Amino acid sequence: MDAKITLSFDAQVIKKAKQLANDSGLSLSRYMEVMLRYAADTKYNSIEEMPISAWVMDISKGKGVYPSKKRTRAQLKKNFFESRIKK
């Protein structure tokens, strides 16, 4: 069962996080859920021990198990062309 919470972040962090989640084909909520589930399922003694880069790599490689939003053909086309412009 999903439940809603309210969190506050720096506006630039939110902007970058939304883009990262979108690039992974996820909503920001689902993306954060995956990261928090990973952190909650593993015991860390400090925040420095948390392998944030490993989470991002797992998600980008499709290793995470999570429901994702179905992208429309128009969204896929837009993302493809935008990725070509950035390079």
PDB file of N, CA and C in Angstrom:
ATOM      1  N   MET A   1       0.839  -1.173   0.000  1.00  0.00           N
ATOM      2  CA  MET A   1       0.000   0.000   0.000  1.00  0.00           C
ATOM      3  C   MET A   1       0.886   1.239   0.000  1.00  0.00           C
ATOM      4  N   ASP A   2       0.636   2.141  -0.925  1.00  0.00           N
ATOM      5  CA  ASP A   2       1.393   3.385  -0.975  1.00  0.00           C
ATOM      6  C   ASP A   2       0.841   4.384   0.031  1.00  0.00           C
ATOM      7  N   ALA A   3       1.728   5.166   0.609  1.00  0.00           N
ATOM      8  CA  ALA A   3       1.351   6.244   1.517  1.00  0.00           C
ATOM      9  C   ALA A   3       2.132   7.480   1.097  1.00  0.00           C
ATOM     10  N   LYS A   4       1.587   8.638   1.327  1.00  0.00           N
ATOM     11  CA  LYS A   4       2.246   9.881   0.935  1.00  0.00           C
ATOM     12  C   LYS A   4       2.970  10.502   2.122  1.00  0.00           C
ATOM     13  N   ILE A   5       4.126  11.126   1.808  1.00  0.00           N
ATOM     14  CA  ILE A   5       4.854  11.902   2.800  1.00  0.00           C
ATOM     15  C   ILE A   5       5.273  13.215   2.138  1.00  0.00           C
ATOM     16  N   THR A   6       5.628  14.173   2.936  1.00  0.00           N
ATOM     17  CA  THR A   6       6.103  15.450   2.417  1.00  0.00           C
ATOM     18  C   THR A   6       7.541  15.631   2.851  1.00  0.00           C
ATOM     19  N   LEU A   7       8.410  15.924   1.895  1.00  0.00           N
ATOM     20  CA  LEU A   7       9.821  16.162   2.164  1.00  0.00           C
ATOM     21  C   LEU A   7      10.200  17.518   1.586  1.00  0.00           C
ATOM     22  N   SER A   8      11.201  18.153   2.153  1.00  0.00           N
ATOM     23  CA  SER A   8      11.692  19.431   1.642  1.00  0.00           C
ATOM     24  C   SER A   8      13.140  19.276   1.205  1.00  0.00           C
ATOM     25  N   PHE A   9      13.441  19.751  -0.007  1.00  0.00           N
ATOM     26  CA  PHE A   9      14.791  19.696  -0.558  1.00  0.00           C
ATOM     27  C   PHE A   9      15.112  21.025  -1.217  1.00  0.00           C
ATOM     28  N   ASP A  10      16.375  21.273  -1.431  1.00  0.00           N
ATOM     29  CA  ASP A  10      16.828  22.421  -2.196  1.00  0.00           C
ATOM     30  C   ASP A  10      16.245  22.315  -3.610  1.00  0.00           C
ATOM     31  N   ALA A  11      15.819  23.437  -4.184  1.00  0.00           N
ATOM     32  CA  ALA A  11      15.172  23.442  -5.500  1.00  0.00           C
ATOM     33  C   ALA A  11      16.067  22.831  -6.585  1.00  0.00           C
ATOM     34  N   GLN A  12      17.363  23.096  -6.540  1.00  0.00           N
ATOM     35  CA  GLN A  12      18.276  22.539  -7.550  1.00  0.00           C
ATOM     36  C   GLN A  12      18.416  21.027  -7.404  1.00  0.00           C
ATOM     37  N   VAL A  13      18.387  20.543  -6.172  1.00  0.00           N
ATOM     38  CA  VAL A  13      18.446  19.098  -5.932  1.00  0.00           C
ATOM     39  C   VAL A  13      17.205  18.438  -6.524  1.00  0.00           C
ATOM     40  N   ILE A  14      16.053  19.049  -6.314  1.00  0.00           N
ATOM     41  CA  ILE A  14      14.808  18.492  -6.852  1.00  0.00           C
ATOM     42  C   ILE A  14      14.853  18.457  -8.376  1.00  0.00           C
ATOM     43  N   LYS A  15      15.313  19.525  -8.980  1.00  0.00           N
ATOM     44  CA  LYS A  15      15.385  19.598 -10.449  1.00  0.00           C
ATOM     45  C   LYS A  15      16.287  18.485 -10.998  1.00  0.00           C
ATOM     46  N   LYS A  16      17.459  18.328 -10.413  1.00  0.00           N
ATOM     47  CA  LYS A  16      18.391  17.293 -10.876  1.00  0.00           C
ATOM     48  C   LYS A  16      17.855  15.894 -10.600  1.00  0.00           C
ATOM     49  N   ALA A  17      17.228  15.706  -9.444  1.00  0.00           N
ATOM     50  CA  ALA A  17      16.674  14.391  -9.091  1.00  0.00           C
ATOM     51  C   ALA A  17      15.538  14.011 -10.030  1.00  0.00           C
ATOM     52  N   LYS A  18      14.691  14.976 -10.382  1.00  0.00           N
ATOM     53  CA  LYS A  18      13.604  14.693 -11.318  1.00  0.00           C
ATOM     54  C   LYS A  18      14.150  14.256 -12.664  1.00  0.00           C
ATOM     55  N   GLN A  19      15.205  14.917 -13.122  1.00  0.00           N
ATOM     56  CA  GLN A  19      15.803  14.546 -14.405  1.00  0.00           C
ATOM     57  C   GLN A  19      16.426  13.151 -14.334  1.00  0.00           C
ATOM     58  N   LEU A  20      17.113  12.858 -13.254  1.00  0.00           N
ATOM     59  CA  LEU A  20      17.725  11.550 -13.071  1.00  0.00           C
ATOM     60  C   LEU A  20      16.664  10.453 -13.058  1.00  0.00           C
ATOM     61  N   ALA A  21      15.588  10.687 -12.328  1.00  0.00           N
ATOM     62  CA  ALA A  21      14.494   9.715 -12.272  1.00  0.00           C
ATOM     63  C   ALA A  21      13.855   9.545 -13.640  1.00  0.00           C
ATOM     64  N   ASN A  22      13.609  10.653 -14.328  1.00  0.00           N
ATOM     65  CA  ASN A  22      13.005  10.603 -15.654  1.00  0.00           C
ATOM     66  C   ASN A  22      13.889   9.835 -16.631  1.00  0.00           C
ATOM     67  N   ASP A  23      15.192  10.061 -16.570  1.00  0.00           N
ATOM     68  CA  ASP A  23      16.127   9.351 -17.447  1.00  0.00           C
ATOM     69  C   ASP A  23      16.111   7.849 -17.185  1.00  0.00           C
ATOM     70  N   SER A  24      15.741   7.473 -15.962  1.00  0.00           N
ATOM     71  CA  SER A  24      15.654   6.058 -15.597  1.00  0.00           C
ATOM     72  C   SER A  24      14.269   5.475 -15.881  1.00  0.00           C
ATOM     73  N   GLY A  25      13.349   6.317 -16.364  1.00  0.00           N
ATOM     74  CA  GLY A  25      12.000   5.857 -16.663  1.00  0.00           C
ATOM     75  C   GLY A  25      11.114   5.716 -15.441  1.00  0.00           C
ATOM     76  N   LEU A  26      11.444   6.466 -14.402  1.00  0.00           N
ATOM     77  CA  LEU A  26      10.697   6.375 -13.152  1.00  0.00           C
ATOM     78  C   LEU A  26      10.165   7.736 -12.741  1.00  0.00           C
ATOM     79  N   SER A  27       9.138   7.720 -11.916  1.00  0.00           N
ATOM     80  CA  SER A  27       8.718   8.953 -11.268  1.00  0.00           C
ATOM     81  C   SER A  27       9.722   9.235 -10.156  1.00  0.00           C
ATOM     82  N   LEU A  28       9.778  10.469  -9.726  1.00  0.00           N
ATOM     83  CA  LEU A  28      10.685  10.809  -8.626  1.00  0.00           C
ATOM     84  C   LEU A  28      10.306  10.044  -7.365  1.00  0.00           C
ATOM     85  N   SER A  29       9.014   9.881  -7.135  1.00  0.00           N
ATOM     86  CA  SER A  29       8.563   9.129  -5.960  1.00  0.00           C
ATOM     87  C   SER A  29       9.064   7.695  -5.994  1.00  0.00           C
ATOM     88  N   ARG A  30       8.912   7.032  -7.136  1.00  0.00           N
ATOM     89  CA  ARG A  30       9.336   5.637  -7.246  1.00  0.00           C
ATOM     90  C   ARG A  30      10.850   5.521  -7.147  1.00  0.00           C
ATOM     91  N   TYR A  31      11.563   6.475  -7.732  1.00  0.00           N
ATOM     92  CA  TYR A  31      13.022   6.483  -7.678  1.00  0.00           C
ATOM     93  C   TYR A  31      13.502   6.585  -6.235  1.00  0.00           C
ATOM     94  N   MET A  32      12.904   7.511  -5.473  1.00  0.00           N
ATOM     95  CA  MET A  32      13.279   7.666  -4.074  1.00  0.00           C
ATOM     96  C   MET A  32      12.908   6.427  -3.263  1.00  0.00           C
ATOM     97  N   GLU A  33      11.785   5.815  -3.610  1.00  0.00           N
ATOM     98  CA  GLU A  33      11.385   4.596  -2.908  1.00  0.00           C
ATOM     99  C   GLU A  33      12.422   3.497  -3.082  1.00  0.00           C
ATOM    100  N   VAL A  34      12.917   3.337  -4.300  1.00  0.00           N
ATOM    101  CA  VAL A  34      13.937   2.317  -4.561  1.00  0.00           C
ATOM    102  C   VAL A  34      15.182   2.594  -3.730  1.00  0.00           C
ATOM    103  N   MET A  35      15.633   3.846  -3.719  1.00  0.00           N
ATOM    104  CA  MET A  35      16.835   4.190  -2.961  1.00  0.00           C
ATOM    105  C   MET A  35      16.627   4.005  -1.462  1.00  0.00           C
ATOM    106  N   LEU A  36      15.472   4.434  -0.956  1.00  0.00           N
ATOM    107  CA  LEU A  36      15.207   4.303   0.483  1.00  0.00           C
ATOM    108  C   LEU A  36      15.012   2.848   0.893  1.00  0.00           C
ATOM    109  N   ARG A  37      14.392   2.050   0.019  1.00  0.00           N
ATOM    110  CA  ARG A  37      14.239   0.627   0.324  1.00  0.00           C
ATOM    111  C   ARG A  37      15.606  -0.036   0.448  1.00  0.00           C
ATOM    112  N   TYR A  38      16.504   0.297  -0.461  1.00  0.00           N
ATOM    113  CA  TYR A  38      17.858  -0.248  -0.434  1.00  0.00           C
ATOM    114  C   TYR A  38      18.561   0.139   0.869  1.00  0.00           C
ATOM    115  N   ALA A  39      18.424   1.399   1.264  1.00  0.00           N
ATOM    116  CA  ALA A  39      19.058   1.873   2.501  1.00  0.00           C
ATOM    117  C   ALA A  39      18.432   1.228   3.725  1.00  0.00           C
ATOM    118  N   ALA A  40      17.113   1.058   3.708  1.00  0.00           N
ATOM    119  CA  ALA A  40      16.409   0.502   4.868  1.00  0.00           C
ATOM    120  C   ALA A  40      16.673  -0.992   5.029  1.00  0.00           C
ATOM    121  N   ASP A  41      16.937  -1.678   3.933  1.00  0.00           N
ATOM    122  CA  ASP A  41      17.170  -3.119   3.992  1.00  0.00           C
ATOM    123  C   ASP A  41      18.600  -3.482   4.359  1.00  0.00           C
ATOM    124  N   THR A  42      19.476  -2.502   4.436  1.00  0.00           N
ATOM    125  CA  THR A  42      20.878  -2.738   4.748  1.00  0.00           C
ATOM    126  C   THR A  42      21.261  -1.862   5.930  1.00  0.00           C
ATOM    127  N   LYS A  43      21.998  -2.422   6.870  1.00  0.00           N
ATOM    128  CA  LYS A  43      22.374  -1.645   8.047  1.00  0.00           C
ATOM    129  C   LYS A  43      23.709  -0.931   7.802  1.00  0.00           C
ATOM    130  N   TYR A  44      23.662   0.379   7.932  1.00  0.00           N
ATOM    131  CA  TYR A  44      24.860   1.198   7.800  1.00  0.00           C
ATOM    132  C   TYR A  44      25.090   1.925   9.108  1.00  0.00           C
ATOM    133  N   ASN A  45      26.359   2.099   9.475  1.00  0.00           N
ATOM    134  CA  ASN A  45      26.697   2.808  10.709  1.00  0.00           C
ATOM    135  C   ASN A  45      26.707   4.322  10.518  1.00  0.00           C
ATOM    136  N   SER A  46      26.893   4.773   9.289  1.00  0.00           N
ATOM    137  CA  SER A  46      26.910   6.211   9.012  1.00  0.00           C
ATOM    138  C   SER A  46      26.484   6.445   7.573  1.00  0.00           C
ATOM    139  N   ILE A  47      26.146   7.677   7.269  1.00  0.00           N
ATOM    140  CA  ILE A  47      25.719   8.019   5.909  1.00  0.00           C
ATOM    141  C   ILE A  47      26.862   7.853   4.910  1.00  0.00           C
ATOM    142  N   GLU A  48      28.102   8.005   5.379  1.00  0.00           N
ATOM    143  CA  GLU A  48      29.255   7.851   4.496  1.00  0.00           C
ATOM    144  C   GLU A  48      29.395   6.420   3.979  1.00  0.00           C
ATOM    145  N   GLU A  49      28.863   5.454   4.714  1.00  0.00           N
ATOM    146  CA  GLU A  49      28.947   4.050   4.296  1.00  0.00           C
ATOM    147  C   GLU A  49      27.932   3.700   3.207  1.00  0.00           C
ATOM    148  N   MET A  50      26.933   4.548   3.027  1.00  0.00           N
ATOM    149  CA  MET A  50      25.867   4.241   2.086  1.00  0.00           C
ATOM    150  C   MET A  50      26.376   4.359   0.646  1.00  0.00           C
ATOM    151  N   PRO A  51      26.248   3.303  -0.152  1.00  0.00           N
ATOM    152  CA  PRO A  51      26.793   3.288  -1.517  1.00  0.00           C
ATOM    153  C   PRO A  51      25.842   3.935  -2.527  1.00  0.00           C
ATOM    154  N   ILE A  52      25.718   5.241  -2.459  1.00  0.00           N
ATOM    155  CA  ILE A  52      24.778   5.938  -3.333  1.00  0.00           C
ATOM    156  C   ILE A  52      25.107   5.681  -4.799  1.00  0.00           C
ATOM    157  N   SER A  53      26.369   5.706  -5.153  1.00  0.00           N
ATOM    158  CA  SER A  53      26.723   5.479  -6.561  1.00  0.00           C
ATOM    159  C   SER A  53      26.324   4.080  -7.006  1.00  0.00           C
ATOM    160  N   ALA A  54      26.384   3.100  -6.103  1.00  0.00           N
ATOM    161  CA  ALA A  54      25.971   1.737  -6.452  1.00  0.00           C
ATOM    162  C   ALA A  54      24.471   1.684  -6.744  1.00  0.00           C
ATOM    163  N   TRP A  55      23.677   2.429  -5.995  1.00  0.00           N
ATOM    164  CA  TRP A  55      22.227   2.456  -6.239  1.00  0.00           C
ATOM    165  C   TRP A  55      21.937   3.023  -7.611  1.00  0.00           C
ATOM    166  N   VAL A  56      22.596   4.140  -7.917  1.00  0.00           N
ATOM    167  CA  VAL A  56      22.362   4.786  -9.209  1.00  0.00           C
ATOM    168  C   VAL A  56      22.777   3.843 -10.336  1.00  0.00           C
ATOM    169  N   MET A  57      23.900   3.170 -10.185  1.00  0.00           N
ATOM    170  CA  MET A  57      24.356   2.234 -11.219  1.00  0.00           C
ATOM    171  C   MET A  57      23.377   1.074 -11.373  1.00  0.00           C
ATOM    172  N   ASP A  58      22.893   0.522 -10.271  1.00  0.00           N
ATOM    173  CA  ASP A  58      21.932  -0.580 -10.349  1.00  0.00           C
ATOM    174  C   ASP A  58      20.666  -0.163 -11.077  1.00  0.00           C
ATOM    175  N   ILE A  59      20.168   1.016 -10.759  1.00  0.00           N
ATOM    176  CA  ILE A  59      18.955   1.496 -11.412  1.00  0.00           C
ATOM    177  C   ILE A  59      19.217   1.736 -12.897  1.00  0.00           C
ATOM    178  N   SER A  60      20.353   2.349 -13.228  1.00  0.00           N
ATOM    179  CA  SER A  60      20.635   2.654 -14.624  1.00  0.00           C
ATOM    180  C   SER A  60      20.856   1.386 -15.451  1.00  0.00           C
ATOM    181  N   LYS A  61      21.298   0.309 -14.810  1.00  0.00           N
ATOM    182  CA  LYS A  61      21.504  -0.958 -15.515  1.00  0.00           C
ATOM    183  C   LYS A  61      20.266  -1.840 -15.493  1.00  0.00           C
ATOM    184  N   GLY A  62      19.200  -1.339 -14.855  1.00  0.00           N
ATOM    185  CA  GLY A  62      17.957  -2.106 -14.823  1.00  0.00           C
ATOM    186  C   GLY A  62      17.960  -3.238 -13.823  1.00  0.00           C
ATOM    187  N   LYS A  63      18.879  -3.214 -12.864  1.00  0.00           N
ATOM    188  CA  LYS A  63      18.952  -4.294 -11.881  1.00  0.00           C
ATOM    189  C   LYS A  63      17.899  -4.161 -10.785  1.00  0.00           C
ATOM    190  N   GLY A  64      17.402  -2.956 -10.577  1.00  0.00           N
ATOM    191  CA  GLY A  64      16.409  -2.749  -9.527  1.00  0.00           C
ATOM    192  C   GLY A  64      15.080  -3.378  -9.909  1.00  0.00           C
ATOM    193  N   VAL A  65      14.329  -3.805  -8.918  1.00  0.00           N
ATOM    194  CA  VAL A  65      12.986  -4.328  -9.148  1.00  0.00           C
ATOM    195  C   VAL A  65      12.016  -3.251  -8.698  1.00  0.00           C
ATOM    196  N   TYR A  66      11.359  -2.639  -9.653  1.00  0.00           N
ATOM    197  CA  TYR A  66      10.466  -1.547  -9.338  1.00  0.00           C
ATOM    198  C   TYR A  66       9.483  -1.359 -10.479  1.00  0.00           C
ATOM    199  N   PRO A  67       8.290  -0.943 -10.148  1.00  0.00           N
ATOM    200  CA  PRO A  67       7.341  -0.641 -11.219  1.00  0.00           C
ATOM    201  C   PRO A  67       7.700   0.699 -11.847  1.00  0.00           C
ATOM    202  N   SER A  68       7.664   0.801 -13.137  1.00  0.00           N
ATOM    203  CA  SER A  68       7.989   2.058 -13.792  1.00  0.00           C
ATOM    204  C   SER A  68       6.827   2.543 -14.630  1.00  0.00           C
ATOM    205  N   LYS A  69       6.875   3.827 -14.930  1.00  0.00           N
ATOM    206  CA  LYS A  69       5.845   4.409 -15.770  1.00  0.00           C
ATOM    207  C   LYS A  69       6.070   3.958 -17.211  1.00  0.00           C
ATOM    208  N   LYS A  70       5.004   3.635 -17.880  1.00  0.00           N
ATOM    209  CA  LYS A  70       5.104   3.287 -19.290  1.00  0.00           C
ATOM    210  C   LYS A  70       5.284   4.578 -20.070  1.00  0.00           C
ATOM    211  N   ARG A  71       6.305   4.644 -20.895  1.00  0.00           N
ATOM    212  CA  ARG A  71       6.578   5.832 -21.689  1.00  0.00           C
ATOM    213  C   ARG A  71       5.853   5.751 -23.026  1.00  0.00           C
ATOM    214  N   THR A  72       5.365   6.889 -23.445  1.00  0.00           N
ATOM    215  CA  THR A  72       4.705   6.939 -24.744  1.00  0.00           C
ATOM    216  C   THR A  72       5.763   6.985 -25.835  1.00  0.00           C
ATOM    217  N   ARG A  73       5.347   6.708 -27.046  1.00  0.00           N
ATOM    218  CA  ARG A  73       6.265   6.763 -28.187  1.00  0.00           C
ATOM    219  C   ARG A  73       6.856   8.169 -28.324  1.00  0.00           C
ATOM    220  N   ALA A  74       6.025   9.192 -28.103  1.00  0.00           N
ATOM    221  CA  ALA A  74       6.491  10.577 -28.193  1.00  0.00           C
ATOM    222  C   ALA A  74       7.567  10.875 -27.140  1.00  0.00           C
ATOM    223  N   GLN A  75       7.385  10.359 -25.924  1.00  0.00           N
ATOM    224  CA  GLN A  75       8.382  10.576 -24.871  1.00  0.00           C
ATOM    225  C   GLN A  75       9.692   9.875 -25.216  1.00  0.00           C
ATOM    226  N   LEU A  76       9.607   8.658 -25.711  1.00  0.00           N
ATOM    227  CA  LEU A  76      10.811   7.919 -26.086  1.00  0.00           C
ATOM    228  C   LEU A  76      11.566   8.643 -27.198  1.00  0.00           C
ATOM    229  N   LYS A  77      10.827   9.129 -28.184  1.00  0.00           N
ATOM    230  CA  LYS A  77      11.441   9.852 -29.296  1.00  0.00           C
ATOM    231  C   LYS A  77      12.110  11.128 -28.790  1.00  0.00           C
ATOM    232  N   LYS A  78      11.418  11.887 -27.935  1.00  0.00           N
ATOM    233  CA  LYS A  78      11.960  13.116 -27.382  1.00  0.00           C
ATOM    234  C   LYS A  78      13.240  12.830 -26.589  1.00  0.00           C
ATOM    235  N   ASN A  79      13.210  11.812 -25.728  1.00  0.00           N
ATOM    236  CA  ASN A  79      14.393  11.457 -24.932  1.00  0.00           C
ATOM    237  C   ASN A  79      15.565  11.050 -25.813  1.00  0.00           C
ATOM    238  N   PHE A  80      15.274  10.313 -26.881  1.00  0.00           N
ATOM    239  CA  PHE A  80      16.334   9.878 -27.790  1.00  0.00           C
ATOM    240  C   PHE A  80      17.028  11.085 -28.415  1.00  0.00           C
ATOM    241  N   PHE A  81      16.231  11.997 -28.975  1.00  0.00           N
ATOM    242  CA  PHE A  81      16.825  13.152 -29.637  1.00  0.00           C
ATOM    243  C   PHE A  81      17.511  14.090 -28.655  1.00  0.00           C
ATOM    244  N   GLU A  82      16.964  14.243 -27.467  1.00  0.00           N
ATOM    245  CA  GLU A  82      17.627  15.071 -26.460  1.00  0.00           C
ATOM    246  C   GLU A  82      18.962  14.475 -26.042  1.00  0.00           C
ATOM    247  N   SER A  83      19.040  13.158 -25.961  1.00  0.00           N
ATOM    248  CA  SER A  83      20.301  12.515 -25.582  1.00  0.00           C
ATOM    249  C   SER A  83      21.371  12.705 -26.647  1.00  0.00           C
ATOM    250  N   ARG A  84      20.971  12.824 -27.891  1.00  0.00           N
ATOM    251  CA  ARG A  84      21.920  13.030 -28.990  1.00  0.00           C
ATOM    252  C   ARG A  84      22.437  14.461 -29.000  1.00  0.00           C
ATOM    253  N   ILE A  85      21.625  15.392 -28.591  1.00  0.00           N
ATOM    254  CA  ILE A  85      22.015  16.805 -28.577  1.00  0.00           C
ATOM    255  C   ILE A  85      23.034  17.066 -27.474  1.00  0.00           C
ATOM    256  N   LYS A  86      22.893  16.373 -26.315  1.00  0.00           N
ATOM    257  CA  LYS A  86      23.764  16.600 -25.158  1.00  0.00           C
ATOM    258  C   LYS A  86      25.196  16.181 -25.422  1.00  0.00           C
ATOM    259  N   LYS A  87      25.414  15.261 -26.356  1.00  0.00           N
ATOM    260  CA  LYS A  87      26.775  14.731 -26.581  1.00  0.00           C
ATOM    261  C   LYS A  87      27.623  15.605 -27.428  1.00  0.00           C
TER     262      LYS A  87
END
